[in-house]
Amino acid sequence: MIEQAVVDQIRGIAGNPEVVGKVVRQLDEQRFAGREGLEREKRVIEKDLQRLGEEMSSLVRMTGKLATDRMADMQDRVAVLERQLREVRDQLAESVGQTVDAASVRKTLQEFDGIWAEMTPREQEKFVKTLVERVTYDGTTCTVTVGFRTAGIRQLCVEVENR
């Protein structure tokens, strides 16, 4: 019964422009927040790299095992930070083209029955867990309310567009 209610809710979203609009706004907000987080992480890494560069410059004038060991540690840390910085920059570059519009959400949800029919029961379960944040049942009114994860809807849109 609950699974059917969830599936019916998903089907119903496509026909409700207000809900589709809300989903698109939430996706945009999440994308913006994710970009802000990545930009913040990028600035922190760049600052750490700058600080390590300055520290390494001062160590160059020193001699001895302690200075050599410290320089090796710092070079290892620089390598890790440079890898992290590349990953953050790649994620930022990917996020530039990640937009979802109302038409994509509506199209994806309209194609839901076909997608659902192609899935195995295990895939259906994984799909629902990805898409649904919570399901509540009100015994007094016999109603089921489904709360969706906007990131799950975005992923579904991307998968449908790539088919």
N, C-alpha and C. Protein backbone atom coordinates (compact mmCIF):
# COMPACT_ATOMS: atom_id res chain seq x y z
N MET A 1 0.82 -1.19 0.00
CA MET A 1 0.00 0.00 0.00
C MET A 1 0.87 1.26 0.00
N ILE A 2 1.88 1.31 0.89
CA ILE A 2 2.72 2.51 0.96
C ILE A 2 3.53 2.66 -0.31
N GLU A 3 4.07 1.55 -0.84
CA GLU A 3 4.82 1.63 -2.09
C GLU A 3 3.95 2.21 -3.20
N GLN A 4 2.72 1.74 -3.27
CA GLN A 4 1.81 2.23 -4.30
C GLN A 4 1.52 3.72 -4.11
N ALA A 5 1.40 4.14 -2.85
CA ALA A 5 1.16 5.56 -2.56
C ALA A 5 2.34 6.41 -3.02
N VAL A 6 3.54 5.91 -2.79
CA VAL A 6 4.75 6.63 -3.22
C VAL A 6 4.77 6.74 -4.74
N VAL A 7 4.52 5.64 -5.42
CA VAL A 7 4.53 5.64 -6.88
C VAL A 7 3.44 6.58 -7.41
N ASP A 8 2.26 6.55 -6.80
CA ASP A 8 1.18 7.46 -7.23
C ASP A 8 1.57 8.92 -7.02
N GLN A 9 2.26 9.21 -5.91
CA GLN A 9 2.72 10.58 -5.65
C GLN A 9 3.69 11.03 -6.75
N ILE A 10 4.60 10.15 -7.11
CA ILE A 10 5.58 10.49 -8.15
C ILE A 10 4.86 10.78 -9.46
N ARG A 11 3.91 9.94 -9.80
CA ARG A 11 3.13 10.15 -11.03
C ARG A 11 2.39 11.48 -10.99
N GLY A 12 1.86 11.82 -9.83
CA GLY A 12 1.04 13.03 -9.69
C GLY A 12 1.82 14.33 -9.78
N ILE A 13 3.10 14.29 -9.47
CA ILE A 13 3.91 15.51 -9.49
C ILE A 13 3.96 16.12 -10.88
N ALA A 14 4.10 15.28 -11.89
CA ALA A 14 4.25 15.78 -13.26
C ALA A 14 3.08 16.65 -13.69
N GLY A 15 1.91 16.36 -13.20
CA GLY A 15 0.73 17.11 -13.61
C GLY A 15 0.46 18.34 -12.78
N ASN A 16 1.31 18.63 -11.82
CA ASN A 16 1.08 19.77 -10.93
C ASN A 16 2.18 20.81 -11.15
N PRO A 17 1.90 21.86 -11.93
CA PRO A 17 2.94 22.86 -12.25
C PRO A 17 3.51 23.53 -11.00
N GLU A 18 2.71 23.70 -9.98
CA GLU A 18 3.19 24.33 -8.75
C GLU A 18 4.26 23.47 -8.08
N VAL A 19 4.01 22.16 -8.02
CA VAL A 19 4.97 21.25 -7.41
C VAL A 19 6.23 21.16 -8.26
N VAL A 20 6.06 21.08 -9.58
CA VAL A 20 7.23 21.04 -10.47
C VAL A 20 8.07 22.29 -10.28
N GLY A 21 7.42 23.44 -10.20
CA GLY A 21 8.15 24.70 -9.98
C GLY A 21 8.90 24.70 -8.67
N LYS A 22 8.25 24.17 -7.63
CA LYS A 22 8.90 24.10 -6.32
C LYS A 22 10.12 23.18 -6.37
N VAL A 23 9.99 22.06 -7.05
CA VAL A 23 11.11 21.13 -7.19
C VAL A 23 12.27 21.81 -7.90
N VAL A 24 11.97 22.52 -8.98
CA VAL A 24 13.02 23.21 -9.75
C VAL A 24 13.70 24.27 -8.87
N ARG A 25 12.92 25.03 -8.11
CA ARG A 25 13.51 26.04 -7.21
C ARG A 25 14.42 25.39 -6.18
N GLN A 26 13.97 24.28 -5.60
CA GLN A 26 14.80 23.59 -4.61
C GLN A 26 16.08 23.05 -5.23
N LEU A 27 15.98 22.54 -6.44
CA LEU A 27 17.18 22.05 -7.13
C LEU A 27 18.16 23.20 -7.37
N ASP A 28 17.64 24.34 -7.78
CA ASP A 28 18.50 25.51 -8.00
C ASP A 28 19.16 25.96 -6.70
N GLU A 29 18.39 25.96 -5.61
CA GLU A 29 18.94 26.36 -4.31
C GLU A 29 20.04 25.39 -3.89
N GLN A 30 19.81 24.09 -4.07
CA GLN A 30 20.83 23.11 -3.70
C GLN A 30 22.08 23.26 -4.56
N ARG A 31 21.88 23.52 -5.85
CA ARG A 31 23.03 23.70 -6.75
C ARG A 31 23.84 24.92 -6.33
N PHE A 32 23.13 26.01 -6.00
CA PHE A 32 23.80 27.23 -5.58
C PHE A 32 24.57 27.00 -4.28
N ALA A 33 23.93 26.34 -3.31
CA ALA A 33 24.58 26.06 -2.03
C ALA A 33 25.80 25.15 -2.23
N GLY A 34 25.66 24.16 -3.09
CA GLY A 34 26.78 23.26 -3.38
C GLY A 34 27.94 24.00 -4.00
N ARG A 35 27.64 24.91 -4.93
CA ARG A 35 28.68 25.72 -5.56
C ARG A 35 29.37 26.61 -4.54
N GLU A 36 28.58 27.23 -3.67
CA GLU A 36 29.17 28.08 -2.63
C GLU A 36 30.11 27.28 -1.74
N GLY A 37 29.70 26.06 -1.37
CA GLY A 37 30.55 25.21 -0.54
C GLY A 37 31.84 24.85 -1.25
N LEU A 38 31.75 24.54 -2.52
CA LEU A 38 32.96 24.21 -3.29
C LEU A 38 33.87 25.43 -3.43
N GLU A 39 33.30 26.61 -3.66
CA GLU A 39 34.10 27.83 -3.77
C GLU A 39 34.82 28.11 -2.44
N ARG A 40 34.11 27.90 -1.34
CA ARG A 40 34.70 28.10 -0.02
C ARG A 40 35.84 27.11 0.20
N GLU A 41 35.62 25.84 -0.15
CA GLU A 41 36.65 24.82 -0.01
C GLU A 41 37.87 25.16 -0.87
N LYS A 42 37.62 25.65 -2.07
CA LYS A 42 38.71 26.03 -2.98
C LYS A 42 39.56 27.14 -2.37
N ARG A 43 38.90 28.15 -1.80
CA ARG A 43 39.65 29.26 -1.18
C ARG A 43 40.50 28.77 -0.01
N VAL A 44 39.97 27.87 0.81
CA VAL A 44 40.71 27.35 1.95
C VAL A 44 41.94 26.58 1.47
N ILE A 45 41.76 25.74 0.47
CA ILE A 45 42.89 24.96 -0.06
C ILE A 45 43.95 25.88 -0.66
N GLU A 46 43.51 26.87 -1.43
CA GLU A 46 44.47 27.81 -2.03
C GLU A 46 45.24 28.57 -0.95
N LYS A 47 44.56 28.95 0.11
CA LYS A 47 45.22 29.65 1.22
C LYS A 47 46.24 28.74 1.90
N ASP A 48 45.86 27.47 2.12
CA ASP A 48 46.78 26.51 2.73
C ASP A 48 48.01 26.30 1.84
N LEU A 49 47.79 26.21 0.54
CA LEU A 49 48.92 26.03 -0.38
C LEU A 49 49.85 27.24 -0.36
N GLN A 50 49.26 28.42 -0.29
CA GLN A 50 50.08 29.64 -0.23
C GLN A 50 50.91 29.65 1.06
N ARG A 51 50.28 29.31 2.17
CA ARG A 51 50.98 29.28 3.46
C ARG A 51 52.11 28.26 3.44
N LEU A 52 51.83 27.07 2.88
CA LEU A 52 52.87 26.04 2.80
C LEU A 52 54.02 26.48 1.89
N GLY A 53 53.69 27.16 0.80
CA GLY A 53 54.73 27.67 -0.09
C GLY A 53 55.65 28.64 0.62
N GLU A 54 55.05 29.53 1.42
CA GLU A 54 55.86 30.50 2.17
C GLU A 54 56.72 29.80 3.21
N GLU A 55 56.14 28.80 3.87
CA GLU A 55 56.89 28.05 4.89
C GLU A 55 58.04 27.29 4.24
N MET A 56 57.79 26.71 3.09
CA MET A 56 58.83 25.96 2.39
C MET A 56 59.96 26.88 1.94
N SER A 57 59.61 28.10 1.54
CA SER A 57 60.64 29.07 1.13
C SER A 57 61.57 29.38 2.29
N SER A 58 61.02 29.48 3.48
CA SER A 58 61.88 29.78 4.64
C SER A 58 62.71 28.56 5.03
N LEU A 59 62.20 27.36 4.78
CA LEU A 59 62.95 26.14 5.12
C LEU A 59 64.13 25.90 4.18
N VAL A 60 64.06 26.44 2.98
CA VAL A 60 65.12 26.22 1.99
C VAL A 60 66.46 26.71 2.54
N ARG A 61 66.41 27.77 3.31
CA ARG A 61 67.67 28.34 3.84
C ARG A 61 68.22 27.55 5.03
N MET A 62 67.43 26.63 5.56
CA MET A 62 67.86 25.84 6.73
C MET A 62 68.51 24.54 6.27
N THR A 63 69.32 23.99 7.15
CA THR A 63 69.97 22.71 6.86
C THR A 63 69.70 21.76 8.01
N GLY A 64 70.03 20.53 7.80
CA GLY A 64 69.89 19.55 8.86
C GLY A 64 68.72 18.61 8.60
N LYS A 65 68.72 17.52 9.38
CA LYS A 65 67.71 16.48 9.22
C LYS A 65 66.31 17.00 9.54
N LEU A 66 66.17 17.81 10.56
CA LEU A 66 64.86 18.33 10.93
C LEU A 66 64.26 19.15 9.79
N ALA A 67 65.05 19.99 9.17
CA ALA A 67 64.58 20.81 8.06
C ALA A 67 64.22 19.93 6.86
N THR A 68 65.06 18.92 6.61
CA THR A 68 64.80 18.01 5.49
C THR A 68 63.52 17.22 5.70
N ASP A 69 63.34 16.70 6.92
CA ASP A 69 62.13 15.95 7.24
C ASP A 69 60.88 16.84 7.14
N ARG A 70 61.00 18.04 7.65
CA ARG A 70 59.87 18.98 7.60
C ARG A 70 59.53 19.32 6.15
N MET A 71 60.55 19.52 5.32
CA MET A 71 60.33 19.83 3.91
C MET A 71 59.62 18.67 3.22
N ALA A 72 60.02 17.43 3.51
CA ALA A 72 59.39 16.25 2.91
C ALA A 72 57.92 16.16 3.33
N ASP A 73 57.65 16.41 4.61
CA ASP A 73 56.27 16.41 5.10
C ASP A 73 55.43 17.46 4.38
N MET A 74 56.02 18.63 4.23
CA MET A 74 55.30 19.72 3.59
C MET A 74 55.03 19.42 2.11
N GLN A 75 56.00 18.81 1.44
CA GLN A 75 55.81 18.45 0.04
C GLN A 75 54.68 17.41 -0.10
N ASP A 76 54.62 16.47 0.83
CA ASP A 76 53.53 15.49 0.83
C ASP A 76 52.18 16.19 1.00
N ARG A 77 52.15 17.13 1.92
CA ARG A 77 50.91 17.88 2.18
C ARG A 77 50.51 18.71 0.96
N VAL A 78 51.49 19.31 0.31
CA VAL A 78 51.22 20.09 -0.92
C VAL A 78 50.62 19.18 -1.99
N ALA A 79 51.17 17.98 -2.14
CA ALA A 79 50.66 17.04 -3.15
C ALA A 79 49.20 16.69 -2.87
N VAL A 80 48.87 16.45 -1.61
CA VAL A 80 47.49 16.13 -1.23
C VAL A 80 46.58 17.31 -1.51
N LEU A 81 47.00 18.50 -1.12
CA LEU A 81 46.18 19.69 -1.33
C LEU A 81 45.99 19.99 -2.82
N GLU A 82 47.03 19.79 -3.62
CA GLU A 82 46.91 20.02 -5.06
C GLU A 82 45.92 19.05 -5.69
N ARG A 83 45.92 17.79 -5.23
CA ARG A 83 44.95 16.81 -5.72
C ARG A 83 43.54 17.23 -5.32
N GLN A 84 43.36 17.64 -4.07
CA GLN A 84 42.05 18.10 -3.60
C GLN A 84 41.58 19.32 -4.40
N LEU A 85 42.49 20.22 -4.67
CA LEU A 85 42.15 21.43 -5.42
C LEU A 85 41.70 21.07 -6.84
N ARG A 86 42.39 20.11 -7.48
CA ARG A 86 41.97 19.66 -8.82
C ARG A 86 40.56 19.07 -8.77
N GLU A 87 40.29 18.26 -7.75
CA GLU A 87 38.96 17.64 -7.61
C GLU A 87 37.88 18.71 -7.42
N VAL A 88 38.16 19.70 -6.58
CA VAL A 88 37.18 20.77 -6.34
C VAL A 88 36.95 21.56 -7.62
N ARG A 89 38.03 21.88 -8.33
CA ARG A 89 37.88 22.61 -9.60
C ARG A 89 37.09 21.81 -10.62
N ASP A 90 37.34 20.49 -10.66
CA ASP A 90 36.57 19.63 -11.57
C ASP A 90 35.08 19.65 -11.21
N GLN A 91 34.78 19.56 -9.91
CA GLN A 91 33.39 19.58 -9.47
C GLN A 91 32.73 20.92 -9.80
N LEU A 92 33.48 21.99 -9.64
CA LEU A 92 32.95 23.31 -9.99
C LEU A 92 32.66 23.40 -11.49
N ALA A 93 33.57 22.88 -12.29
CA ALA A 93 33.37 22.91 -13.73
C ALA A 93 32.15 22.08 -14.13
N GLU A 94 31.98 20.93 -13.50
CA GLU A 94 30.82 20.08 -13.78
C GLU A 94 29.52 20.77 -13.39
N SER A 95 29.55 21.51 -12.31
CA SER A 95 28.32 22.12 -11.79
C SER A 95 27.82 23.26 -12.68
N VAL A 96 28.69 23.79 -13.52
CA VAL A 96 28.28 24.90 -14.39
C VAL A 96 27.14 24.48 -15.31
N GLY A 97 27.21 23.29 -15.87
CA GLY A 97 26.19 22.85 -16.81
C GLY A 97 25.03 22.11 -16.17
N GLN A 98 25.03 22.01 -14.85
CA GLN A 98 23.98 21.25 -14.17
C GLN A 98 22.78 22.12 -13.85
N THR A 99 21.92 22.26 -14.82
CA THR A 99 20.68 22.97 -14.57
C THR A 99 19.53 22.03 -14.90
N VAL A 100 18.48 22.17 -14.16
CA VAL A 100 17.28 21.38 -14.40
C VAL A 100 16.14 22.37 -14.50
N ASP A 101 15.41 22.29 -15.60
CA ASP A 101 14.28 23.19 -15.75
C ASP A 101 12.97 22.44 -15.57
N ALA A 102 11.88 23.19 -15.49
CA ALA A 102 10.57 22.60 -15.25
C ALA A 102 10.22 21.57 -16.33
N ALA A 103 10.58 21.87 -17.57
CA ALA A 103 10.26 20.95 -18.66
C ALA A 103 10.96 19.60 -18.47
N SER A 104 12.23 19.63 -18.02
CA SER A 104 12.97 18.38 -17.79
C SER A 104 12.34 17.57 -16.66
N VAL A 105 11.99 18.26 -15.58
CA VAL A 105 11.36 17.57 -14.44
C VAL A 105 10.04 16.96 -14.89
N ARG A 106 9.23 17.74 -15.58
CA ARG A 106 7.92 17.25 -16.03
C ARG A 106 8.09 16.05 -16.97
N LYS A 107 9.02 16.16 -17.94
CA LYS A 107 9.25 15.08 -18.90
C LYS A 107 9.70 13.81 -18.18
N THR A 108 10.62 13.97 -17.25
CA THR A 108 11.13 12.83 -16.51
C THR A 108 10.01 12.14 -15.74
N LEU A 109 9.21 12.93 -15.08
CA LEU A 109 8.14 12.34 -14.27
C LEU A 109 7.05 11.74 -15.15
N GLN A 110 6.84 12.30 -16.33
CA GLN A 110 5.85 11.71 -17.25
C GLN A 110 6.33 10.37 -17.78
N GLU A 111 7.64 10.18 -17.85
CA GLU A 111 8.21 8.92 -18.32
C GLU A 111 8.40 7.92 -17.18
N PHE A 112 7.92 8.28 -16.01
CA PHE A 112 8.15 7.46 -14.83
C PHE A 112 7.65 6.03 -14.99
N ASP A 113 6.44 5.85 -15.52
CA ASP A 113 5.89 4.49 -15.63
C ASP A 113 6.79 3.58 -16.45
N GLY A 114 7.31 4.09 -17.56
CA GLY A 114 8.21 3.29 -18.39
C GLY A 114 9.49 2.93 -17.65
N ILE A 115 10.04 3.91 -16.94
CA ILE A 115 11.27 3.67 -16.17
C ILE A 115 11.01 2.64 -15.09
N TRP A 116 9.90 2.81 -14.37
CA TRP A 116 9.55 1.93 -13.26
C TRP A 116 9.36 0.49 -13.76
N ALA A 117 8.70 0.33 -14.91
CA ALA A 117 8.42 -1.00 -15.45
C ALA A 117 9.70 -1.74 -15.83
N GLU A 118 10.74 -1.00 -16.23
CA GLU A 118 12.00 -1.62 -16.64
C GLU A 118 12.86 -2.05 -15.45
N MET A 119 12.55 -1.55 -14.26
CA MET A 119 13.37 -1.81 -13.09
C MET A 119 13.05 -3.17 -12.45
N THR A 120 14.10 -3.78 -11.91
CA THR A 120 13.89 -4.97 -11.09
C THR A 120 13.39 -4.51 -9.72
N PRO A 121 12.83 -5.42 -8.93
CA PRO A 121 12.37 -5.02 -7.59
C PRO A 121 13.49 -4.39 -6.74
N ARG A 122 14.70 -4.91 -6.87
CA ARG A 122 15.83 -4.33 -6.12
C ARG A 122 16.13 -2.91 -6.58
N GLU A 123 16.09 -2.69 -7.92
CA GLU A 123 16.30 -1.34 -8.45
C GLU A 123 15.18 -0.40 -8.02
N GLN A 124 13.96 -0.89 -7.99
CA GLN A 124 12.84 -0.07 -7.55
C GLN A 124 13.03 0.36 -6.10
N GLU A 125 13.47 -0.57 -5.27
CA GLU A 125 13.71 -0.26 -3.86
C GLU A 125 14.81 0.79 -3.72
N LYS A 126 15.90 0.61 -4.44
CA LYS A 126 17.00 1.58 -4.39
C LYS A 126 16.54 2.94 -4.91
N PHE A 127 15.76 2.93 -5.99
CA PHE A 127 15.24 4.16 -6.56
C PHE A 127 14.39 4.92 -5.53
N VAL A 128 13.47 4.20 -4.88
CA VAL A 128 12.59 4.85 -3.91
C VAL A 128 13.41 5.41 -2.75
N LYS A 129 14.40 4.66 -2.29
CA LYS A 129 15.24 5.15 -1.19
C LYS A 129 16.04 6.39 -1.59
N THR A 130 16.42 6.46 -2.86
CA THR A 130 17.15 7.63 -3.35
C THR A 130 16.24 8.83 -3.49
N LEU A 131 15.03 8.59 -3.92
CA LEU A 131 14.10 9.67 -4.24
C LEU A 131 13.29 10.15 -3.03
N VAL A 132 12.95 9.23 -2.13
CA VAL A 132 12.03 9.55 -1.04
C VAL A 132 12.80 9.80 0.25
N GLU A 133 12.54 10.95 0.86
CA GLU A 133 13.17 11.29 2.13
C GLU A 133 12.40 10.70 3.30
N ARG A 134 11.05 10.80 3.23
CA ARG A 134 10.24 10.27 4.33
C ARG A 134 8.84 9.97 3.82
N VAL A 135 8.20 9.03 4.49
CA VAL A 135 6.81 8.69 4.23
C VAL A 135 6.10 8.69 5.57
N THR A 136 5.01 9.44 5.66
CA THR A 136 4.24 9.45 6.91
C THR A 136 2.82 9.01 6.62
N TYR A 137 2.26 8.30 7.57
CA TYR A 137 0.89 7.81 7.44
C TYR A 137 0.09 8.37 8.60
N ASP A 138 -1.03 8.99 8.27
CA ASP A 138 -1.95 9.52 9.29
C ASP A 138 -3.11 8.54 9.39
N GLY A 139 -3.14 7.80 10.49
CA GLY A 139 -4.17 6.79 10.69
C GLY A 139 -5.56 7.36 10.85
N THR A 140 -5.66 8.58 11.37
CA THR A 140 -7.00 9.16 11.56
C THR A 140 -7.64 9.56 10.24
N THR A 141 -6.83 10.03 9.29
CA THR A 141 -7.38 10.43 7.99
C THR A 141 -7.08 9.42 6.90
N CYS A 142 -6.31 8.38 7.25
CA CYS A 142 -5.90 7.35 6.28
C CYS A 142 -5.20 7.96 5.07
N THR A 143 -4.29 8.92 5.31
CA THR A 143 -3.56 9.55 4.22
C THR A 143 -2.06 9.27 4.36
N VAL A 144 -1.42 9.16 3.23
CA VAL A 144 0.02 8.96 3.18
C VAL A 144 0.63 10.22 2.58
N THR A 145 1.66 10.74 3.26
CA THR A 145 2.37 11.91 2.75
C THR A 145 3.80 11.48 2.44
N VAL A 146 4.26 11.87 1.26
CA VAL A 146 5.60 11.49 0.81
C VAL A 146 6.45 12.75 0.70
N GLY A 147 7.61 12.75 1.36
CA GLY A 147 8.59 13.84 1.24
C GLY A 147 9.73 13.38 0.36
N PHE A 148 10.02 14.15 -0.67
CA PHE A 148 11.04 13.75 -1.65
C PHE A 148 12.37 14.45 -1.41
N ARG A 149 13.43 13.78 -1.83
CA ARG A 149 14.78 14.36 -1.83
C ARG A 149 14.95 15.05 -3.18
N THR A 150 15.23 16.32 -3.16
CA THR A 150 15.38 17.03 -4.44
C THR A 150 16.61 16.54 -5.20
N ALA A 151 17.65 16.12 -4.49
CA ALA A 151 18.84 15.60 -5.18
C ALA A 151 18.49 14.33 -5.94
N GLY A 152 17.59 13.52 -5.39
CA GLY A 152 17.15 12.30 -6.07
C GLY A 152 16.40 12.63 -7.34
N ILE A 153 15.56 13.66 -7.30
CA ILE A 153 14.82 14.07 -8.49
C ILE A 153 15.79 14.59 -9.55
N ARG A 154 16.78 15.37 -9.12
CA ARG A 154 17.77 15.88 -10.07
C ARG A 154 18.50 14.72 -10.76
N GLN A 155 18.91 13.72 -9.97
CA GLN A 155 19.62 12.57 -10.55
C GLN A 155 18.73 11.83 -11.53
N LEU A 156 17.46 11.68 -11.19
CA LEU A 156 16.53 11.02 -12.11
C LEU A 156 16.42 11.79 -13.42
N CYS A 157 16.33 13.11 -13.34
CA CYS A 157 16.26 13.94 -14.55
C CYS A 157 17.49 13.75 -15.42
N VAL A 158 18.64 13.73 -14.79
CA VAL A 158 19.90 13.57 -15.55
C VAL A 158 19.92 12.21 -16.24
N GLU A 159 19.49 11.17 -15.53
CA GLU A 159 19.50 9.82 -16.10
C GLU A 159 18.53 9.71 -17.28
N VAL A 160 17.36 10.31 -17.14
CA VAL A 160 16.38 10.26 -18.23
C VAL A 160 16.89 11.02 -19.44
N GLU A 161 17.50 12.19 -19.22
CA GLU A 161 18.02 12.97 -20.34
C GLU A 161 19.16 12.26 -21.05
N ASN A 162 19.91 11.45 -20.32
CA ASN A 162 21.05 10.74 -20.91
C ASN A 162 20.65 9.43 -21.59
N ARG A 163 19.38 9.03 -21.50
CA ARG A 163 18.93 7.78 -22.14
C ARG A 163 18.76 7.96 -23.62
